[in-house]
C-alpha cells in the first residue's frame, strides 16, 4: 500500500486550518497544521512532505521568511 501524501499547513487562522484539514483529509491527504512559523520549526522535524501550505502574513516570522 502506498504511503499517504502529507501536507503541512502553517496558518494562524484556526477556522481556515480546520476547513483545509477536513477538505484535504477527505481527498486522502494527511494534514498537520501549525499555528505559527516558530511552532512549525520547533515541531515539524525533518520529513518529506507532499506539499507545504504557508500563510504569508503570519505573526512573528512571516511565511516568506519561513520558506
N, C-alpha and C. Protein backbone atom coordinates (compact mmCIF):
# COMPACT_ATOMS: atom_id res chain seq x y z
N UNK A 1 0.85 -1.18 0.00
CA UNK A 1 0.00 0.00 0.00
C UNK A 1 0.89 1.24 0.00
N UNK A 2 0.58 2.20 -0.84
CA UNK A 2 1.36 3.44 -0.96
C UNK A 2 1.17 4.31 0.27
N UNK A 3 2.23 5.05 0.67
CA UNK A 3 2.09 5.96 1.81
C UNK A 3 1.11 7.09 1.50
N UNK A 4 0.48 7.59 2.53
CA UNK A 4 -0.47 8.69 2.38
C UNK A 4 0.32 9.98 2.18
N UNK A 5 0.04 10.75 1.11
CA UNK A 5 0.74 12.01 0.92
C UNK A 5 0.46 12.97 2.08
N UNK A 6 1.49 13.67 2.51
CA UNK A 6 1.36 14.56 3.65
C UNK A 6 1.42 16.02 3.22
N UNK A 7 0.57 16.82 3.85
CA UNK A 7 0.56 18.26 3.64
C UNK A 7 0.79 18.92 4.99
N UNK A 8 1.74 19.85 5.04
CA UNK A 8 2.00 20.61 6.25
C UNK A 8 1.46 22.02 6.03
N UNK A 9 0.62 22.46 6.94
CA UNK A 9 -0.10 23.72 6.82
C UNK A 9 0.35 24.65 7.93
N UNK A 10 0.78 25.87 7.57
CA UNK A 10 1.20 26.86 8.56
C UNK A 10 0.31 28.08 8.39
N UNK A 11 -0.63 28.27 9.34
CA UNK A 11 -1.56 29.40 9.27
C UNK A 11 -2.07 29.70 10.68
N UNK A 12 -2.25 30.97 10.97
CA UNK A 12 -2.69 31.37 12.31
C UNK A 12 -4.21 31.47 12.44
N UNK A 13 -4.95 31.13 11.40
CA UNK A 13 -6.40 31.18 11.43
C UNK A 13 -6.95 29.77 11.71
N UNK A 14 -7.42 29.52 12.93
CA UNK A 14 -7.87 28.16 13.28
C UNK A 14 -9.01 27.64 12.42
N UNK A 15 -9.94 28.52 12.02
CA UNK A 15 -11.06 28.05 11.21
C UNK A 15 -10.61 27.66 9.80
N UNK A 16 -9.66 28.39 9.24
CA UNK A 16 -9.12 28.04 7.93
C UNK A 16 -8.37 26.71 8.02
N UNK A 17 -7.57 26.53 9.06
CA UNK A 17 -6.84 25.27 9.25
C UNK A 17 -7.79 24.10 9.37
N UNK A 18 -8.84 24.24 10.16
CA UNK A 18 -9.81 23.16 10.33
C UNK A 18 -10.49 22.83 9.01
N UNK A 19 -10.85 23.85 8.26
CA UNK A 19 -11.51 23.64 6.98
C UNK A 19 -10.60 22.92 5.98
N UNK A 20 -9.35 23.37 5.89
CA UNK A 20 -8.42 22.74 4.97
C UNK A 20 -8.09 21.31 5.41
N UNK A 21 -7.93 21.10 6.71
CA UNK A 21 -7.66 19.74 7.20
C UNK A 21 -8.80 18.80 6.83
N UNK A 22 -10.02 19.26 7.01
CA UNK A 22 -11.19 18.44 6.69
C UNK A 22 -11.28 18.17 5.19
N UNK A 23 -11.19 19.21 4.40
CA UNK A 23 -11.33 19.07 2.95
C UNK A 23 -10.22 18.22 2.35
N UNK A 24 -8.97 18.51 2.73
CA UNK A 24 -7.85 17.75 2.18
C UNK A 24 -7.82 16.32 2.73
N UNK A 25 -8.26 16.15 3.97
CA UNK A 25 -8.36 14.81 4.54
C UNK A 25 -9.34 13.93 3.77
N UNK A 26 -10.45 14.52 3.34
CA UNK A 26 -11.43 13.78 2.54
C UNK A 26 -10.87 13.37 1.18
N UNK A 27 -9.84 14.09 0.72
CA UNK A 27 -9.20 13.76 -0.56
C UNK A 27 -8.06 12.76 -0.40
N UNK A 28 -7.83 12.32 0.84
CA UNK A 28 -6.83 11.28 1.07
C UNK A 28 -5.47 11.76 1.56
N UNK A 29 -5.37 13.03 1.91
CA UNK A 29 -4.10 13.56 2.40
C UNK A 29 -4.06 13.53 3.92
N UNK A 30 -2.87 13.36 4.46
CA UNK A 30 -2.65 13.53 5.89
C UNK A 30 -2.21 14.98 6.07
N UNK A 31 -2.95 15.74 6.85
CA UNK A 31 -2.67 17.16 7.01
C UNK A 31 -2.33 17.44 8.46
N UNK A 32 -1.20 18.13 8.67
CA UNK A 32 -0.82 18.58 10.00
C UNK A 32 -0.72 20.09 9.97
N UNK A 33 -1.40 20.76 10.91
CA UNK A 33 -1.43 22.22 10.94
C UNK A 33 -0.56 22.76 12.06
N UNK A 34 0.04 23.91 11.80
CA UNK A 34 0.87 24.63 12.76
C UNK A 34 0.39 26.07 12.80
N UNK A 35 0.29 26.65 14.00
CA UNK A 35 -0.29 28.00 14.14
C UNK A 35 0.71 29.14 13.91
N UNK A 36 2.00 28.82 13.79
CA UNK A 36 3.00 29.86 13.55
C UNK A 36 4.22 29.24 12.90
N UNK A 37 5.05 30.10 12.32
CA UNK A 37 6.31 29.63 11.73
C UNK A 37 7.21 29.04 12.80
N UNK A 38 7.23 29.68 13.95
CA UNK A 38 8.07 29.21 15.04
C UNK A 38 7.65 27.83 15.54
N UNK A 39 6.35 27.60 15.62
CA UNK A 39 5.83 26.29 16.03
C UNK A 39 6.19 25.24 14.99
N UNK A 40 6.05 25.59 13.73
CA UNK A 40 6.42 24.67 12.65
C UNK A 40 7.88 24.26 12.77
N UNK A 41 8.77 25.22 12.96
CA UNK A 41 10.21 24.93 13.06
C UNK A 41 10.49 24.04 14.27
N UNK A 42 9.83 24.32 15.39
CA UNK A 42 10.08 23.56 16.62
C UNK A 42 9.54 22.13 16.56
N UNK A 43 8.41 21.92 15.87
CA UNK A 43 7.74 20.61 15.95
C UNK A 43 7.77 19.78 14.69
N UNK A 44 7.98 20.38 13.52
CA UNK A 44 7.83 19.62 12.27
C UNK A 44 8.90 18.56 12.10
N UNK A 45 10.14 18.87 12.43
CA UNK A 45 11.22 17.90 12.25
C UNK A 45 11.46 17.60 10.78
N UNK A 46 12.53 16.89 10.50
CA UNK A 46 12.84 16.57 9.09
C UNK A 46 11.87 15.53 8.53
N UNK A 47 11.31 15.82 7.40
CA UNK A 47 10.42 14.91 6.70
C UNK A 47 10.31 15.33 5.25
N UNK A 48 9.64 14.53 4.49
CA UNK A 48 9.46 14.83 3.07
C UNK A 48 7.98 15.01 2.79
N UNK A 49 7.44 16.21 3.03
CA UNK A 49 6.01 16.43 2.80
C UNK A 49 5.68 16.47 1.31
N UNK A 50 4.46 16.14 1.00
CA UNK A 50 3.99 16.26 -0.37
C UNK A 50 3.84 17.72 -0.74
N UNK A 51 3.52 18.54 0.27
CA UNK A 51 3.22 19.94 0.00
C UNK A 51 3.31 20.75 1.29
N UNK A 52 3.77 21.98 1.17
CA UNK A 52 3.72 22.94 2.26
C UNK A 52 2.74 24.04 1.86
N UNK A 53 1.81 24.36 2.74
CA UNK A 53 0.91 25.49 2.54
C UNK A 53 1.24 26.47 3.66
N UNK A 54 1.75 27.65 3.27
CA UNK A 54 2.22 28.61 4.26
C UNK A 54 1.54 29.96 4.03
N UNK A 55 0.92 30.48 5.08
CA UNK A 55 0.33 31.82 5.04
C UNK A 55 1.46 32.84 4.99
N UNK A 56 1.35 33.81 4.12
CA UNK A 56 2.38 34.84 4.02
C UNK A 56 2.37 35.76 5.23
N UNK A 57 1.19 36.12 5.71
CA UNK A 57 1.05 37.09 6.80
C UNK A 57 0.86 36.39 8.14
N UNK A 58 1.94 35.85 8.66
CA UNK A 58 1.92 35.21 9.96
C UNK A 58 2.43 36.18 11.01
N UNK A 59 1.96 36.07 12.25
CA UNK A 59 2.55 36.89 13.30
C UNK A 59 3.98 36.41 13.56
N UNK A 60 4.85 37.30 13.96
CA UNK A 60 6.26 36.92 14.16
C UNK A 60 6.92 36.75 12.81
N UNK A 61 7.52 35.60 12.58
CA UNK A 61 8.18 35.31 11.30
C UNK A 61 7.12 35.13 10.21
N UNK A 62 7.24 35.87 9.11
CA UNK A 62 6.24 35.73 8.04
C UNK A 62 6.53 34.49 7.19
N UNK A 63 5.57 34.15 6.35
CA UNK A 63 5.65 32.94 5.56
C UNK A 63 6.82 32.91 4.60
N UNK A 64 7.16 34.03 3.99
CA UNK A 64 8.27 34.08 3.06
C UNK A 64 9.60 33.80 3.77
N UNK A 65 9.76 34.37 4.94
CA UNK A 65 10.98 34.12 5.72
C UNK A 65 11.05 32.65 6.16
N UNK A 66 9.92 32.07 6.52
CA UNK A 66 9.89 30.65 6.89
C UNK A 66 10.33 29.80 5.72
N UNK A 67 9.82 30.10 4.55
CA UNK A 67 10.15 29.31 3.37
C UNK A 67 11.63 29.37 3.07
